[in-house]
Amino acid sequence: MKISAVEHLLQRMPPEMELHANHVANLCYSMGQKINANAEELEILWMAGLLHEVGKLDAGAFLQYNDNFNKIYMLVSYTILKNIPGFEPILQTIIQHQENYDGSGYPYQLKAEEIDTLAKVIRIADYYDTIRLSGKDHDQACMLIREQSDIIFPHKIITPFILSVIHNGLQYEYDMPSNPYKDYYDKNFNIDLHRKKSNRKKK
């Protein structure tokens, strides 16, 4: 994968998106080590973590907060990245990273073992980081993740993910006097949470 292309995409990101991208990449790499991912899988996790929201770059603020856009932006990410040579290995992980274990996710409503293993890692890392950036602490984030066992995340990856965060001290990355992006991520987390509740009511 071309580092210059990655750098170009990162430079286009607003500060709150770049912060989230770097957090997710670190969380994914840490989890990859925990589950004994090989070198190729670790690279995929790192790059997909950095670029999982690249589809939001060309969307206005309204679209980013719009629930429908949050259901399809991964398709936009896929379209952008498939046209850049070298990103083929991360495309499946990118397009599936908002799928849920119970089949309530997007864009294809895949479930359980239909979902790419690395996409499941991106999903839990993305969720944890959004919760933390919304202002909640590590314990609150872990509680909210455990509540989604076998709903959003397979039960078997939750404890390894939490241990990977603790063993690498990543929970301390959020210790800052003030979080200038709290409102942005609080709104995005609430959209995601509302969407999960709505999906459960439909069942």
N, C-alpha and C. Protein backbone atom coordinates (compact mmCIF):
# COMPACT_ATOMS: atom_id res chain seq x y z
N MET A 1 0.84 -1.19 0.00
CA MET A 1 0.00 0.00 0.00
C MET A 1 0.88 1.25 0.00
N LYS A 2 0.53 2.22 -0.81
CA LYS A 2 1.36 3.40 -0.96
C LYS A 2 1.20 4.34 0.23
N ILE A 3 2.32 4.58 0.92
CA ILE A 3 2.30 5.47 2.08
C ILE A 3 1.92 6.88 1.66
N SER A 4 2.37 7.30 0.47
CA SER A 4 2.06 8.66 0.01
C SER A 4 0.56 8.87 -0.15
N ALA A 5 -0.15 7.83 -0.62
CA ALA A 5 -1.60 7.93 -0.78
C ALA A 5 -2.28 8.01 0.58
N VAL A 6 -1.79 7.24 1.54
CA VAL A 6 -2.34 7.28 2.90
C VAL A 6 -2.14 8.67 3.50
N GLU A 7 -0.93 9.20 3.36
CA GLU A 7 -0.63 10.52 3.91
C GLU A 7 -1.52 11.59 3.29
N HIS A 8 -1.75 11.48 1.98
CA HIS A 8 -2.61 12.45 1.29
C HIS A 8 -4.02 12.42 1.86
N LEU A 9 -4.56 11.22 2.07
CA LEU A 9 -5.92 11.09 2.61
C LEU A 9 -5.99 11.60 4.05
N LEU A 10 -4.97 11.30 4.84
CA LEU A 10 -4.95 11.78 6.23
C LEU A 10 -4.88 13.30 6.29
N GLN A 11 -4.12 13.88 5.39
CA GLN A 11 -4.00 15.34 5.36
C GLN A 11 -5.31 16.03 5.01
N ARG A 12 -6.18 15.32 4.30
CA ARG A 12 -7.49 15.88 3.93
C ARG A 12 -8.50 15.82 5.07
N MET A 13 -8.20 15.02 6.08
CA MET A 13 -9.16 14.83 7.16
C MET A 13 -9.20 16.04 8.09
N PRO A 14 -10.40 16.42 8.57
CA PRO A 14 -10.47 17.43 9.62
C PRO A 14 -9.86 16.86 10.90
N PRO A 15 -9.46 17.71 11.84
CA PRO A 15 -8.74 17.24 13.02
C PRO A 15 -9.46 16.15 13.81
N GLU A 16 -10.79 16.27 13.97
CA GLU A 16 -11.51 15.27 14.75
C GLU A 16 -11.51 13.90 14.07
N MET A 17 -11.55 13.88 12.74
CA MET A 17 -11.53 12.62 12.00
C MET A 17 -10.13 12.01 12.03
N GLU A 18 -9.11 12.83 11.91
CA GLU A 18 -7.74 12.32 11.95
C GLU A 18 -7.42 11.73 13.32
N LEU A 19 -7.87 12.39 14.39
CA LEU A 19 -7.66 11.88 15.74
C LEU A 19 -8.32 10.51 15.89
N HIS A 20 -9.57 10.42 15.47
CA HIS A 20 -10.31 9.16 15.54
C HIS A 20 -9.62 8.08 14.70
N ALA A 21 -9.18 8.43 13.51
CA ALA A 21 -8.51 7.47 12.63
C ALA A 21 -7.26 6.89 13.27
N ASN A 22 -6.46 7.75 13.87
CA ASN A 22 -5.24 7.28 14.52
C ASN A 22 -5.54 6.42 15.75
N HIS A 23 -6.54 6.81 16.52
CA HIS A 23 -6.95 5.99 17.66
C HIS A 23 -7.39 4.61 17.22
N VAL A 24 -8.26 4.57 16.21
CA VAL A 24 -8.80 3.28 15.74
C VAL A 24 -7.68 2.41 15.19
N ALA A 25 -6.75 2.99 14.45
CA ALA A 25 -5.63 2.23 13.92
C ALA A 25 -4.81 1.61 15.05
N ASN A 26 -4.53 2.38 16.10
CA ASN A 26 -3.78 1.87 17.25
C ASN A 26 -4.54 0.76 17.97
N LEU A 27 -5.83 0.96 18.17
CA LEU A 27 -6.66 -0.04 18.84
C LEU A 27 -6.71 -1.34 18.02
N CYS A 28 -6.84 -1.20 16.71
CA CYS A 28 -6.91 -2.38 15.84
C CYS A 28 -5.59 -3.14 15.83
N TYR A 29 -4.49 -2.42 15.75
CA TYR A 29 -3.18 -3.07 15.73
C TYR A 29 -2.94 -3.81 17.04
N SER A 30 -3.31 -3.17 18.14
CA SER A 30 -3.17 -3.79 19.45
C SER A 30 -4.00 -5.06 19.55
N MET A 31 -5.24 -5.00 19.08
CA MET A 31 -6.11 -6.17 19.10
C MET A 31 -5.57 -7.25 18.16
N GLY A 32 -5.03 -6.84 17.03
CA GLY A 32 -4.44 -7.80 16.10
C GLY A 32 -3.31 -8.59 16.75
N GLN A 33 -2.48 -7.91 17.51
CA GLN A 33 -1.41 -8.60 18.23
C GLN A 33 -1.98 -9.57 19.26
N LYS A 34 -3.06 -9.16 19.91
CA LYS A 34 -3.68 -9.99 20.94
C LYS A 34 -4.21 -11.29 20.36
N ILE A 35 -4.75 -11.24 19.15
CA ILE A 35 -5.34 -12.44 18.54
C ILE A 35 -4.35 -13.14 17.60
N ASN A 36 -3.07 -12.75 17.70
CA ASN A 36 -2.00 -13.39 16.92
C ASN A 36 -2.20 -13.27 15.40
N ALA A 37 -2.63 -12.10 14.98
CA ALA A 37 -2.74 -11.83 13.54
C ALA A 37 -1.35 -11.86 12.91
N ASN A 38 -1.28 -12.30 11.67
CA ASN A 38 0.01 -12.31 10.99
C ASN A 38 0.37 -10.91 10.49
N ALA A 39 1.56 -10.79 9.90
CA ALA A 39 2.06 -9.46 9.49
C ALA A 39 1.13 -8.80 8.48
N GLU A 40 0.62 -9.58 7.52
CA GLU A 40 -0.27 -9.01 6.51
C GLU A 40 -1.57 -8.52 7.14
N GLU A 41 -2.12 -9.30 8.07
CA GLU A 41 -3.36 -8.93 8.75
C GLU A 41 -3.16 -7.69 9.62
N LEU A 42 -2.00 -7.58 10.26
CA LEU A 42 -1.72 -6.40 11.08
C LEU A 42 -1.65 -5.14 10.22
N GLU A 43 -1.06 -5.28 9.03
CA GLU A 43 -1.00 -4.12 8.12
C GLU A 43 -2.40 -3.73 7.66
N ILE A 44 -3.24 -4.73 7.36
CA ILE A 44 -4.61 -4.45 6.95
C ILE A 44 -5.36 -3.74 8.07
N LEU A 45 -5.22 -4.23 9.30
CA LEU A 45 -5.89 -3.61 10.44
C LEU A 45 -5.44 -2.17 10.63
N TRP A 46 -4.15 -1.93 10.52
CA TRP A 46 -3.62 -0.58 10.69
C TRP A 46 -4.15 0.37 9.62
N MET A 47 -4.05 -0.05 8.36
CA MET A 47 -4.47 0.82 7.26
C MET A 47 -5.99 1.00 7.24
N ALA A 48 -6.72 -0.08 7.46
CA ALA A 48 -8.18 0.04 7.48
C ALA A 48 -8.64 0.90 8.65
N GLY A 49 -7.94 0.80 9.78
CA GLY A 49 -8.25 1.66 10.91
C GLY A 49 -8.07 3.13 10.58
N LEU A 50 -6.99 3.43 9.87
CA LEU A 50 -6.72 4.82 9.48
C LEU A 50 -7.74 5.35 8.48
N LEU A 51 -8.21 4.49 7.58
CA LEU A 51 -8.99 4.95 6.44
C LEU A 51 -10.45 4.51 6.46
N HIS A 52 -10.94 3.98 7.57
CA HIS A 52 -12.29 3.42 7.58
C HIS A 52 -13.39 4.46 7.35
N GLU A 53 -13.10 5.74 7.60
CA GLU A 53 -14.11 6.78 7.41
C GLU A 53 -13.78 7.71 6.26
N VAL A 54 -12.91 7.28 5.36
CA VAL A 54 -12.47 8.17 4.28
C VAL A 54 -13.65 8.59 3.40
N GLY A 55 -14.71 7.80 3.38
CA GLY A 55 -15.89 8.15 2.60
C GLY A 55 -16.61 9.38 3.10
N LYS A 56 -16.29 9.84 4.31
CA LYS A 56 -16.92 11.04 4.86
C LYS A 56 -16.22 12.32 4.43
N LEU A 57 -15.08 12.18 3.77
CA LEU A 57 -14.29 13.37 3.44
C LEU A 57 -15.01 14.33 2.52
N ASP A 58 -15.77 13.81 1.59
CA ASP A 58 -16.43 14.67 0.61
C ASP A 58 -17.87 14.98 0.97
N ALA A 59 -18.25 14.63 2.20
CA ALA A 59 -19.62 14.89 2.64
C ALA A 59 -19.65 16.13 3.52
N GLY A 60 -20.68 16.92 3.37
CA GLY A 60 -20.85 18.09 4.22
C GLY A 60 -21.24 17.68 5.64
N ALA A 61 -21.22 18.65 6.53
CA ALA A 61 -21.54 18.36 7.93
C ALA A 61 -22.93 17.76 8.09
N PHE A 62 -23.88 18.25 7.28
CA PHE A 62 -25.24 17.71 7.39
C PHE A 62 -25.27 16.22 7.09
N LEU A 63 -24.59 15.83 6.00
CA LEU A 63 -24.59 14.43 5.62
C LEU A 63 -23.92 13.56 6.67
N GLN A 64 -22.87 14.06 7.29
CA GLN A 64 -22.17 13.27 8.29
C GLN A 64 -23.05 13.00 9.51
N TYR A 65 -23.94 13.91 9.84
CA TYR A 65 -24.83 13.71 10.99
C TYR A 65 -26.14 13.03 10.59
N ASN A 66 -26.35 12.86 9.30
CA ASN A 66 -27.59 12.26 8.82
C ASN A 66 -27.52 10.75 8.97
N ASP A 67 -28.56 10.15 9.55
CA ASP A 67 -28.56 8.72 9.83
C ASP A 67 -28.40 7.90 8.57
N ASN A 68 -29.02 8.32 7.48
CA ASN A 68 -28.92 7.56 6.24
C ASN A 68 -27.49 7.54 5.71
N PHE A 69 -26.78 8.67 5.83
CA PHE A 69 -25.40 8.69 5.37
C PHE A 69 -24.54 7.75 6.21
N ASN A 70 -24.82 7.66 7.49
CA ASN A 70 -24.05 6.76 8.35
C ASN A 70 -24.28 5.29 8.00
N LYS A 71 -25.29 5.01 7.18
CA LYS A 71 -25.54 3.65 6.73
C LYS A 71 -24.81 3.31 5.43
N ILE A 72 -24.33 4.34 4.73
CA ILE A 72 -23.76 4.08 3.40
C ILE A 72 -22.35 4.63 3.20
N TYR A 73 -21.81 5.38 4.16
CA TYR A 73 -20.51 6.02 3.90
C TYR A 73 -19.41 5.00 3.63
N MET A 74 -19.56 3.78 4.17
CA MET A 74 -18.54 2.75 3.92
C MET A 74 -18.51 2.34 2.44
N LEU A 75 -19.65 2.49 1.75
CA LEU A 75 -19.68 2.24 0.31
C LEU A 75 -18.89 3.32 -0.43
N VAL A 76 -19.00 4.55 0.06
CA VAL A 76 -18.24 5.66 -0.54
C VAL A 76 -16.75 5.44 -0.29
N SER A 77 -16.40 5.00 0.93
CA SER A 77 -15.00 4.69 1.24
C SER A 77 -14.46 3.65 0.28
N TYR A 78 -15.24 2.60 0.07
CA TYR A 78 -14.85 1.52 -0.83
C TYR A 78 -14.60 2.05 -2.24
N THR A 79 -15.51 2.90 -2.71
CA THR A 79 -15.39 3.45 -4.07
C THR A 79 -14.14 4.29 -4.22
N ILE A 80 -13.84 5.09 -3.20
CA ILE A 80 -12.63 5.93 -3.24
C ILE A 80 -11.38 5.06 -3.27
N LEU A 81 -11.31 4.08 -2.38
CA LEU A 81 -10.08 3.30 -2.21
C LEU A 81 -9.84 2.28 -3.33
N LYS A 82 -10.91 1.77 -3.92
CA LYS A 82 -10.72 0.76 -4.98
C LYS A 82 -10.09 1.38 -6.23
N ASN A 83 -10.16 2.69 -6.33
CA ASN A 83 -9.56 3.39 -7.48
C ASN A 83 -8.13 3.83 -7.23
N ILE A 84 -7.59 3.45 -6.06
CA ILE A 84 -6.20 3.79 -5.74
C ILE A 84 -5.40 2.49 -5.69
N PRO A 85 -4.44 2.30 -6.58
CA PRO A 85 -3.66 1.06 -6.59
C PRO A 85 -3.00 0.78 -5.24
N GLY A 86 -3.09 -0.47 -4.81
CA GLY A 86 -2.44 -0.88 -3.56
C GLY A 86 -3.37 -1.06 -2.39
N PHE A 87 -4.61 -0.58 -2.51
CA PHE A 87 -5.54 -0.68 -1.39
C PHE A 87 -6.48 -1.90 -1.46
N GLU A 88 -6.26 -2.75 -2.45
CA GLU A 88 -7.13 -3.92 -2.61
C GLU A 88 -7.25 -4.77 -1.35
N PRO A 89 -6.15 -4.99 -0.58
CA PRO A 89 -6.25 -5.88 0.59
C PRO A 89 -7.19 -5.38 1.70
N ILE A 90 -7.45 -4.07 1.74
CA ILE A 90 -8.28 -3.56 2.85
C ILE A 90 -9.73 -3.32 2.46
N LEU A 91 -10.08 -3.54 1.19
CA LEU A 91 -11.42 -3.18 0.72
C LEU A 91 -12.53 -3.93 1.44
N GLN A 92 -12.37 -5.24 1.62
CA GLN A 92 -13.41 -6.02 2.27
C GLN A 92 -13.60 -5.58 3.72
N THR A 93 -12.50 -5.33 4.41
CA THR A 93 -12.57 -4.89 5.80
C THR A 93 -13.25 -3.53 5.90
N ILE A 94 -12.93 -2.63 4.99
CA ILE A 94 -13.52 -1.29 4.97
C ILE A 94 -15.03 -1.36 4.76
N ILE A 95 -15.46 -2.12 3.77
CA ILE A 95 -16.88 -2.09 3.41
C ILE A 95 -17.74 -2.82 4.44
N GLN A 96 -17.13 -3.72 5.24
CA GLN A 96 -17.91 -4.49 6.21
C GLN A 96 -17.79 -3.98 7.65
N HIS A 97 -17.06 -2.90 7.88
CA HIS A 97 -16.74 -2.55 9.27
C HIS A 97 -17.92 -2.01 10.07
N GLN A 98 -19.07 -1.77 9.43
CA GLN A 98 -20.27 -1.36 10.17
C GLN A 98 -21.34 -2.46 10.19
N GLU A 99 -20.96 -3.67 9.82
CA GLU A 99 -21.87 -4.80 9.96
C GLU A 99 -21.91 -5.23 11.42
N ASN A 100 -23.07 -5.73 11.87
CA ASN A 100 -23.24 -6.17 13.25
C ASN A 100 -23.42 -7.68 13.33
N TYR A 101 -22.99 -8.25 14.42
CA TYR A 101 -23.01 -9.71 14.58
C TYR A 101 -24.41 -10.30 14.40
N ASP A 102 -25.43 -9.55 14.80
CA ASP A 102 -26.80 -10.08 14.71
C ASP A 102 -27.47 -9.79 13.36
N GLY A 103 -26.74 -9.17 12.44
CA GLY A 103 -27.30 -8.89 11.12
C GLY A 103 -28.00 -7.56 10.99
N SER A 104 -27.89 -6.70 11.99
CA SER A 104 -28.59 -5.41 11.97
C SER A 104 -27.73 -4.26 11.43
N GLY A 105 -26.52 -4.58 10.97
CA GLY A 105 -25.61 -3.52 10.53
C GLY A 105 -25.78 -3.15 9.06
N TYR A 106 -24.76 -2.46 8.54
CA TYR A 106 -24.81 -1.93 7.17
C TYR A 106 -23.46 -2.15 6.49
N PRO A 107 -23.43 -2.22 5.16
CA PRO A 107 -24.55 -1.95 4.23
C PRO A 107 -25.33 -3.19 3.80
N TYR A 108 -24.83 -4.40 4.14
CA TYR A 108 -25.43 -5.61 3.58
C TYR A 108 -26.17 -6.49 4.59
N GLN A 109 -26.25 -6.05 5.85
CA GLN A 109 -26.90 -6.83 6.91
C GLN A 109 -26.30 -8.24 7.03
N LEU A 110 -24.99 -8.32 6.90
CA LEU A 110 -24.30 -9.59 7.12
C LEU A 110 -24.35 -9.92 8.60
N LYS A 111 -24.20 -11.19 8.95
CA LYS A 111 -24.21 -11.56 10.36
C LYS A 111 -23.22 -12.67 10.65
N ALA A 112 -22.85 -12.73 11.91
CA ALA A 112 -22.00 -13.80 12.45
C ALA A 112 -20.78 -14.04 11.56
N GLU A 113 -20.60 -15.28 11.12
CA GLU A 113 -19.40 -15.65 10.37
C GLU A 113 -19.40 -15.16 8.93
N GLU A 114 -20.49 -14.54 8.49
CA GLU A 114 -20.49 -13.91 7.16
C GLU A 114 -19.60 -12.67 7.15
N ILE A 115 -19.35 -12.11 8.32
CA ILE A 115 -18.58 -10.87 8.44
C ILE A 115 -17.09 -11.18 8.51
N ASP A 116 -16.31 -10.45 7.75
CA ASP A 116 -14.86 -10.58 7.77
C ASP A 116 -14.33 -10.40 9.19
N THR A 117 -13.41 -11.28 9.59
CA THR A 117 -12.87 -11.24 10.96
C THR A 117 -12.23 -9.90 11.28
N LEU A 118 -11.47 -9.36 10.35
CA LEU A 118 -10.79 -8.08 10.60
C LEU A 118 -11.78 -6.93 10.66
N ALA A 119 -12.89 -7.04 9.92
CA ALA A 119 -13.93 -6.01 9.99
C ALA A 119 -14.56 -5.98 11.39
N LYS A 120 -14.64 -7.13 12.04
CA LYS A 120 -15.18 -7.19 13.40
C LYS A 120 -14.26 -6.44 14.36
N VAL A 121 -12.96 -6.52 14.10
CA VAL A 121 -11.99 -5.79 14.93
C VAL A 121 -12.16 -4.29 14.74
N ILE A 122 -12.29 -3.86 13.49
CA ILE A 122 -12.52 -2.44 13.22
C ILE A 122 -13.80 -1.97 13.91
N ARG A 123 -14.82 -2.79 13.87
CA ARG A 123 -16.13 -2.43 14.45
C ARG A 123 -16.00 -2.13 15.93
N ILE A 124 -15.35 -3.00 16.67
CA ILE A 124 -15.27 -2.80 18.12
C ILE A 124 -14.30 -1.67 18.47
N ALA A 125 -13.23 -1.51 17.70
CA ALA A 125 -12.29 -0.41 17.94
C ALA A 125 -12.95 0.94 17.65
N ASP A 126 -13.69 1.00 16.57
CA ASP A 126 -14.42 2.22 16.19
C ASP A 126 -15.43 2.58 17.27
N TYR A 127 -16.15 1.59 17.74
CA TYR A 127 -17.19 1.80 18.76
C TYR A 127 -16.56 2.31 20.07
N TYR A 128 -15.50 1.65 20.51
CA TYR A 128 -14.82 2.06 21.74
C TYR A 128 -14.32 3.49 21.64
N ASP A 129 -13.66 3.82 20.53
CA ASP A 129 -13.10 5.16 20.40
C ASP A 129 -14.18 6.22 20.36
N THR A 130 -15.27 5.95 19.65
CA THR A 130 -16.36 6.93 19.59
C THR A 130 -16.96 7.15 20.97
N ILE A 131 -17.11 6.08 21.75
CA ILE A 131 -17.62 6.23 23.12
C ILE A 131 -16.66 7.08 23.96
N ARG A 132 -15.36 6.78 23.88
CA ARG A 132 -14.39 7.52 24.69
C ARG A 132 -14.32 8.98 24.28
N LEU A 133 -14.34 9.25 22.97
CA LEU A 133 -14.28 10.63 22.51
C LEU A 133 -15.58 11.38 22.81
N SER A 134 -16.65 10.65 23.07
CA SER A 134 -17.91 11.31 23.44
C SER A 134 -17.90 11.75 24.91
N GLY A 135 -16.84 11.38 25.65
CA GLY A 135 -16.69 11.86 27.02
C GLY A 135 -16.81 10.80 28.09
N LYS A 136 -17.10 9.57 27.72
CA LYS A 136 -17.25 8.50 28.70
C LYS A 136 -15.89 7.89 29.03
N ASP A 137 -15.76 7.34 30.25
CA ASP A 137 -14.47 6.78 30.65
C ASP A 137 -14.34 5.33 30.20
N HIS A 138 -13.20 4.73 30.49
CA HIS A 138 -12.91 3.38 30.02
C HIS A 138 -13.92 2.36 30.55
N ASP A 139 -14.23 2.45 31.84
CA ASP A 139 -15.17 1.48 32.42
C ASP A 139 -16.56 1.60 31.80
N GLN A 140 -17.00 2.83 31.57
CA GLN A 140 -18.30 3.03 30.93
C GLN A 140 -18.29 2.47 29.51
N ALA A 141 -17.19 2.68 28.79
CA ALA A 141 -17.08 2.16 27.43
C ALA A 141 -17.14 0.64 27.43
N CYS A 142 -16.43 0.02 28.36
CA CYS A 142 -16.43 -1.45 28.43
C CYS A 142 -17.83 -1.97 28.76
N MET A 143 -18.53 -1.29 29.66
CA MET A 143 -19.89 -1.70 30.03
C MET A 143 -20.81 -1.64 28.80
N LEU A 144 -20.70 -0.54 28.04
CA LEU A 144 -21.55 -0.38 26.85
C LEU A 144 -21.22 -1.42 25.78
N ILE A 145 -19.96 -1.75 25.65
CA ILE A 145 -19.56 -2.79 24.70
C ILE A 145 -20.10 -4.14 25.13
N ARG A 146 -19.99 -4.47 26.40
CA ARG A 146 -20.48 -5.77 26.89
C ARG A 146 -22.00 -5.88 26.72
N GLU A 147 -22.70 -4.77 26.80
CA GLU A 147 -24.15 -4.79 26.59
C GLU A 147 -24.51 -5.19 25.15
N GLN A 148 -23.55 -5.04 24.24
CA GLN A 148 -23.79 -5.36 22.83
C GLN A 148 -23.22 -6.73 22.44
N SER A 149 -22.93 -7.56 23.44
CA SER A 149 -22.41 -8.90 23.17
C SER A 149 -23.39 -9.71 22.33
N ASP A 150 -22.89 -10.27 21.22
CA ASP A 150 -23.68 -11.06 20.27
C ASP A 150 -24.82 -10.25 19.64
N ILE A 151 -24.75 -8.93 19.76
CA ILE A 151 -25.67 -8.03 19.05
C ILE A 151 -24.84 -7.27 18.01
N ILE A 152 -23.95 -6.42 18.48
CA ILE A 152 -23.03 -5.74 17.57
C ILE A 152 -21.75 -6.56 17.40
N PHE A 153 -21.24 -7.08 18.52
CA PHE A 153 -19.96 -7.79 18.52
C PHE A 153 -20.12 -9.24 18.93
N PRO A 154 -19.33 -10.16 18.35
CA PRO A 154 -19.33 -11.52 18.87
C PRO A 154 -18.76 -11.53 20.29
N HIS A 155 -19.39 -12.28 21.14
CA HIS A 155 -18.97 -12.32 22.55
C HIS A 155 -17.49 -12.63 22.70
N LYS A 156 -16.98 -13.51 21.84
CA LYS A 156 -15.62 -14.02 22.02
C LYS A 156 -14.52 -12.98 21.78
N ILE A 157 -14.84 -11.84 21.14
CA ILE A 157 -13.77 -10.85 20.91
C ILE A 157 -13.78 -9.73 21.94
N ILE A 158 -14.81 -9.66 22.77
CA ILE A 158 -14.93 -8.51 23.67
C ILE A 158 -13.84 -8.49 24.73
N THR A 159 -13.68 -9.59 25.47
CA THR A 159 -12.65 -9.61 26.52
C THR A 159 -11.25 -9.46 25.94
N PRO A 160 -10.88 -10.16 24.85
CA PRO A 160 -9.56 -9.92 24.27
C PRO A 160 -9.33 -8.47 23.85
N PHE A 161 -10.38 -7.82 23.33
CA PHE A 161 -10.22 -6.41 22.94
C PHE A 161 -9.96 -5.55 24.17
N ILE A 162 -10.75 -5.72 25.21
CA ILE A 162 -10.57 -4.90 26.41
C ILE A 162 -9.18 -5.13 27.01
N LEU A 163 -8.74 -6.39 27.05
CA LEU A 163 -7.40 -6.69 27.57
C LEU A 163 -6.31 -6.07 26.71
N SER A 164 -6.52 -6.04 25.39
CA SER A 164 -5.52 -5.42 24.51
C SER A 164 -5.41 -3.93 24.76
N VAL A 165 -6.52 -3.29 25.08
CA VAL A 165 -6.51 -1.86 25.42
C VAL A 165 -5.72 -1.64 26.71
N ILE A 166 -6.03 -2.44 27.73
CA ILE A 166 -5.40 -2.27 29.04
C ILE A 166 -3.91 -2.59 28.99
N HIS A 167 -3.56 -3.71 28.35
CA HIS A 167 -2.16 -4.14 28.33
C HIS A 167 -1.26 -3.16 27.61
N ASN A 168 -1.81 -2.40 26.68
CA ASN A 168 -1.03 -1.41 25.94
C ASN A 168 -1.26 0.02 26.43
N GLY A 169 -2.02 0.15 27.51
CA GLY A 169 -2.25 1.47 28.10
C GLY A 169 -3.01 2.43 27.21
N LEU A 170 -3.79 1.90 26.26
CA LEU A 170 -4.47 2.79 25.31
C LEU A 170 -5.64 3.54 25.93
N GLN A 171 -6.12 3.06 27.08
CA GLN A 171 -7.22 3.78 27.75
C GLN A 171 -6.78 5.16 28.23
N TYR A 172 -5.45 5.37 28.38
CA TYR A 172 -4.95 6.66 28.86
C TYR A 172 -4.79 7.68 27.73
N GLU A 173 -4.98 7.25 26.48
CA GLU A 173 -4.87 8.18 25.35
C GLU A 173 -5.96 9.26 25.42
N TYR A 174 -6.97 9.04 26.24
CA TYR A 174 -8.12 9.95 26.29
C TYR A 174 -8.05 10.89 27.49
N ASP A 175 -6.97 10.80 28.26
CA ASP A 175 -6.81 11.66 29.43
C ASP A 175 -6.30 13.02 28.99
N MET A 176 -7.22 13.93 28.74
CA MET A 176 -6.86 15.29 28.32
C MET A 176 -7.70 16.28 29.12
N PRO A 177 -7.13 17.45 29.40
CA PRO A 177 -7.87 18.44 30.21
C PRO A 177 -9.24 18.77 29.62
N SER A 178 -9.31 18.87 28.30
CA SER A 178 -10.58 19.13 27.64
C SER A 178 -10.58 18.43 26.29
N ASN A 179 -11.73 18.00 25.88
CA ASN A 179 -11.85 17.30 24.60
C ASN A 179 -12.62 18.19 23.63
N PRO A 180 -11.92 18.82 22.68
CA PRO A 180 -12.59 19.76 21.77
C PRO A 180 -13.57 19.07 20.82
N TYR A 181 -13.52 17.74 20.76
CA TYR A 181 -14.36 17.02 19.80
C TYR A 181 -15.49 16.25 20.49
N LYS A 182 -15.68 16.50 21.80
CA LYS A 182 -16.68 15.76 22.57
C LYS A 182 -18.07 15.86 21.95
N ASP A 183 -18.51 17.05 21.62
CA ASP A 183 -19.86 17.23 21.07
C ASP A 183 -20.04 16.49 19.75
N TYR A 184 -19.01 16.53 18.91
CA TYR A 184 -19.07 15.84 17.62
C TYR A 184 -19.27 14.34 17.82
N TYR A 185 -18.46 13.73 18.70
CA TYR A 185 -18.55 12.28 18.87
C TYR A 185 -19.71 11.87 19.76
N ASP A 186 -20.13 12.74 20.65
CA ASP A 186 -21.31 12.45 21.45
C ASP A 186 -22.53 12.33 20.53
N LYS A 187 -22.63 13.24 19.56
CA LYS A 187 -23.76 13.20 18.62
C LYS A 187 -23.68 11.96 17.73
N ASN A 188 -22.48 11.62 17.25
CA ASN A 188 -22.33 10.44 16.40
C ASN A 188 -22.60 9.16 17.16
N PHE A 189 -22.17 9.09 18.43
CA PHE A 189 -22.43 7.89 19.22
C PHE A 189 -23.92 7.75 19.49
N ASN A 190 -24.60 8.84 19.76
CA ASN A 190 -26.04 8.78 20.02
C ASN A 190 -26.82 8.36 18.77
N ILE A 191 -26.37 8.79 17.59
CA ILE A 191 -26.99 8.34 16.34
C ILE A 191 -26.86 6.83 16.22
N ASP A 192 -25.64 6.32 16.49
CA ASP A 192 -25.38 4.88 16.39
C ASP A 192 -26.21 4.10 17.39
N LEU A 193 -26.28 4.60 18.63
CA LEU A 193 -27.04 3.92 19.68
C LEU A 193 -28.52 3.91 19.35
N HIS A 194 -29.04 5.04 18.85
CA HIS A 194 -30.45 5.13 18.49
C HIS A 194 -30.77 4.15 17.36
N ARG A 195 -29.85 4.02 16.40
CA ARG A 195 -30.05 3.12 15.28
C ARG A 195 -30.14 1.67 15.76
N LYS A 196 -29.30 1.27 16.74
CA LYS A 196 -29.34 -0.10 17.25
C LYS A 196 -30.67 -0.38 17.95
N LYS A 197 -31.16 0.61 18.73
CA LYS A 197 -32.43 0.43 19.44
C LYS A 197 -33.57 0.30 18.46
N SER A 198 -33.54 1.12 17.39
CA SER A 198 -34.61 1.07 16.39
C SER A 198 -34.61 -0.28 15.68
N ASN A 199 -33.42 -0.80 15.38
CA ASN A 199 -33.35 -2.10 14.71
C ASN A 199 -33.89 -3.22 15.58
N ARG A 200 -33.63 -3.15 16.89
CA ARG A 200 -34.13 -4.20 17.79
C ARG A 200 -35.63 -4.15 17.90
N LYS A 201 -36.24 -2.95 17.86
CA LYS A 201 -37.69 -2.83 17.95
C LYS A 201 -38.39 -3.42 16.73
N LYS A 202 -37.69 -3.38 15.58
CA LYS A 202 -38.29 -3.89 14.34
C LYS A 202 -38.35 -5.41 14.31
N LYS A 203 -37.52 -6.05 15.14
CA LYS A 203 -37.43 -7.51 15.10
C LYS A 203 -38.61 -8.15 15.81
